[in-house]
Amino acid sequence: VSLQGDYLIVEHEIAGRVQRSEFPTAWVRVVHSVRGGLVEVRSGAHTVQVGRYLRPDLRHVLVHELRYALHAV
């Protein structure tokens, strides 16, 4: 997860293949999902889940830090 210009970039690897999603910072929402307890990055109908390898009790910290970084842009 990184901020590049006006975009929040989420990259993850599944079975050796890297998938990249770009979200405009003006339209992105970060929420702690009830489904699976992961963190969801959303913009319109596009959603990506992150935080799979983060301890469940620390995922709310990730949500807070991402929101803070997005508002600081």
C-alpha atoms as a PDB file:
ATOM      1  CA  VAL A   1       0.000   0.000   0.000  1.00  0.00           C
ATOM      2  CA  SER A   2       1.438   3.363  -1.006  1.00  0.00           C
ATOM      3  CA  LEU A   3       0.466   6.919  -1.860  1.00  0.00           C
ATOM      4  CA  GLN A   4       1.675   8.138  -5.242  1.00  0.00           C
ATOM      5  CA  GLY A   5       0.505  11.581  -6.227  1.00  0.00           C
ATOM      6  CA  ASP A   6      -3.291  11.638  -6.177  1.00  0.00           C
ATOM      7  CA  TYR A   7      -3.639   7.855  -5.939  1.00  0.00           C
ATOM      8  CA  LEU A   8      -3.615   5.221  -3.231  1.00  0.00           C
ATOM      9  CA  ILE A   9      -1.916   2.177  -4.750  1.00  0.00           C
ATOM     10  CA  VAL A  10      -2.604  -1.339  -3.458  1.00  0.00           C
ATOM     11  CA  GLU A  11      -0.471  -4.184  -4.778  1.00  0.00           C
ATOM     12  CA  HIS A  12      -0.755  -7.798  -3.685  1.00  0.00           C
ATOM     13  CA  GLU A  13       0.600 -11.077  -4.939  1.00  0.00           C
ATOM     14  CA  ILE A  14      -1.527 -14.168  -5.437  1.00  0.00           C
ATOM     15  CA  ALA A  15       0.079 -17.360  -6.751  1.00  0.00           C
ATOM     16  CA  GLY A  16       3.099 -15.466  -8.078  1.00  0.00           C
ATOM     17  CA  ARG A  17       1.006 -12.889  -9.919  1.00  0.00           C
ATOM     18  CA  VAL A  18       1.009  -9.236  -8.786  1.00  0.00           C
ATOM     19  CA  GLN A  19      -2.305  -7.407  -8.892  1.00  0.00           C
ATOM     20  CA  ARG A  20      -2.340  -3.624  -8.709  1.00  0.00           C
ATOM     21  CA  SER A  21      -5.298  -1.406  -7.886  1.00  0.00           C
ATOM     22  CA  GLU A  22      -5.273   2.384  -8.033  1.00  0.00           C
ATOM     23  CA  PHE A  23      -7.742   4.503  -6.092  1.00  0.00           C
ATOM     24  CA  PRO A  24      -8.085   8.287  -6.499  1.00  0.00           C
ATOM     25  CA  THR A  25      -7.405   9.751  -3.053  1.00  0.00           C
ATOM     26  CA  ALA A  26     -10.356  12.148  -3.392  1.00  0.00           C
ATOM     27  CA  TRP A  27     -12.808   9.231  -3.688  1.00  0.00           C
ATOM     28  CA  VAL A  28     -11.291   6.415  -1.648  1.00  0.00           C
ATOM     29  CA  ARG A  29     -12.829   5.109   1.588  1.00  0.00           C
ATOM     30  CA  VAL A  30     -11.060   2.901   4.116  1.00  0.00           C
ATOM     31  CA  VAL A  31     -13.241   0.766   6.381  1.00  0.00           C
ATOM     32  CA  HIS A  32     -12.777  -2.117   8.799  1.00  0.00           C
ATOM     33  CA  SER A  33     -14.885  -4.826   7.200  1.00  0.00           C
ATOM     34  CA  VAL A  34     -17.248  -6.942   9.230  1.00  0.00           C
ATOM     35  CA  ARG A  35     -16.866  -9.676   6.617  1.00  0.00           C
ATOM     36  CA  GLY A  36     -13.626 -11.455   7.456  1.00  0.00           C
ATOM     37  CA  GLY A  37     -12.414  -8.639   9.683  1.00  0.00           C
ATOM     38  CA  LEU A  38     -10.077  -7.311   7.002  1.00  0.00           C
ATOM     39  CA  VAL A  39      -9.559  -3.688   6.022  1.00  0.00           C
ATOM     40  CA  GLU A  40     -11.352  -2.651   2.840  1.00  0.00           C
ATOM     41  CA  VAL A  41     -10.196   0.068   0.473  1.00  0.00           C
ATOM     42  CA  ARG A  42     -13.144   1.227  -1.634  1.00  0.00           C
ATOM     43  CA  SER A  43     -13.859   3.611  -4.451  1.00  0.00           C
ATOM     44  CA  GLY A  44     -17.178   3.281  -6.239  1.00  0.00           C
ATOM     45  CA  ALA A  45     -17.842  -0.389  -6.929  1.00  0.00           C
ATOM     46  CA  HIS A  46     -14.141  -1.328  -6.704  1.00  0.00           C
ATOM     47  CA  THR A  47     -13.044  -2.893  -3.389  1.00  0.00           C
ATOM     48  CA  VAL A  48      -9.759  -4.460  -2.281  1.00  0.00           C
ATOM     49  CA  GLN A  49      -9.140  -6.129   1.065  1.00  0.00           C
ATOM     50  CA  VAL A  50      -5.837  -5.578   2.869  1.00  0.00           C
ATOM     51  CA  GLY A  51      -4.377  -6.515   6.241  1.00  0.00           C
ATOM     52  CA  ARG A  52      -4.574 -10.271   5.812  1.00  0.00           C
ATOM     53  CA  TYR A  53      -1.177 -10.789   7.467  1.00  0.00           C
ATOM     54  CA  LEU A  54      -1.728  -8.189  10.172  1.00  0.00           C
ATOM     55  CA  ARG A  55      -2.870  -9.337  13.602  1.00  0.00           C
ATOM     56  CA  PRO A  56      -6.659  -8.876  13.827  1.00  0.00           C
ATOM     57  CA  ASP A  57      -6.370  -6.700  16.942  1.00  0.00           C
ATOM     58  CA  LEU A  58      -4.125  -4.248  15.034  1.00  0.00           C
ATOM     59  CA  ARG A  59      -6.223  -3.825  11.891  1.00  0.00           C
ATOM     60  CA  HIS A  60      -8.047  -0.816  13.352  1.00  0.00           C
ATOM     61  CA  VAL A  61      -4.629   0.882  13.611  1.00  0.00           C
ATOM     62  CA  LEU A  62      -4.087   0.317   9.888  1.00  0.00           C
ATOM     63  CA  VAL A  63      -7.493   1.887   9.162  1.00  0.00           C
ATOM     64  CA  HIS A  64      -6.596   4.933  11.277  1.00  0.00           C
ATOM     65  CA  GLU A  65      -3.157   5.347   9.674  1.00  0.00           C
ATOM     66  CA  LEU A  66      -4.495   5.037   6.123  1.00  0.00           C
ATOM     67  CA  ARG A  67      -7.259   7.570   6.812  1.00  0.00           C
ATOM     68  CA  TYR A  68      -4.742   9.955   8.369  1.00  0.00           C
ATOM     69  CA  ALA A  69      -2.385   9.648   5.389  1.00  0.00           C
ATOM     70  CA  LEU A  70      -5.242  10.214   2.923  1.00  0.00           C
ATOM     71  CA  HIS A  71      -6.368  13.392   4.685  1.00  0.00           C
ATOM     72  CA  ALA A  72      -2.798  14.703   4.871  1.00  0.00           C
ATOM     73  CA  VAL A  73      -2.494  14.609   1.057  1.00  0.00           C
END
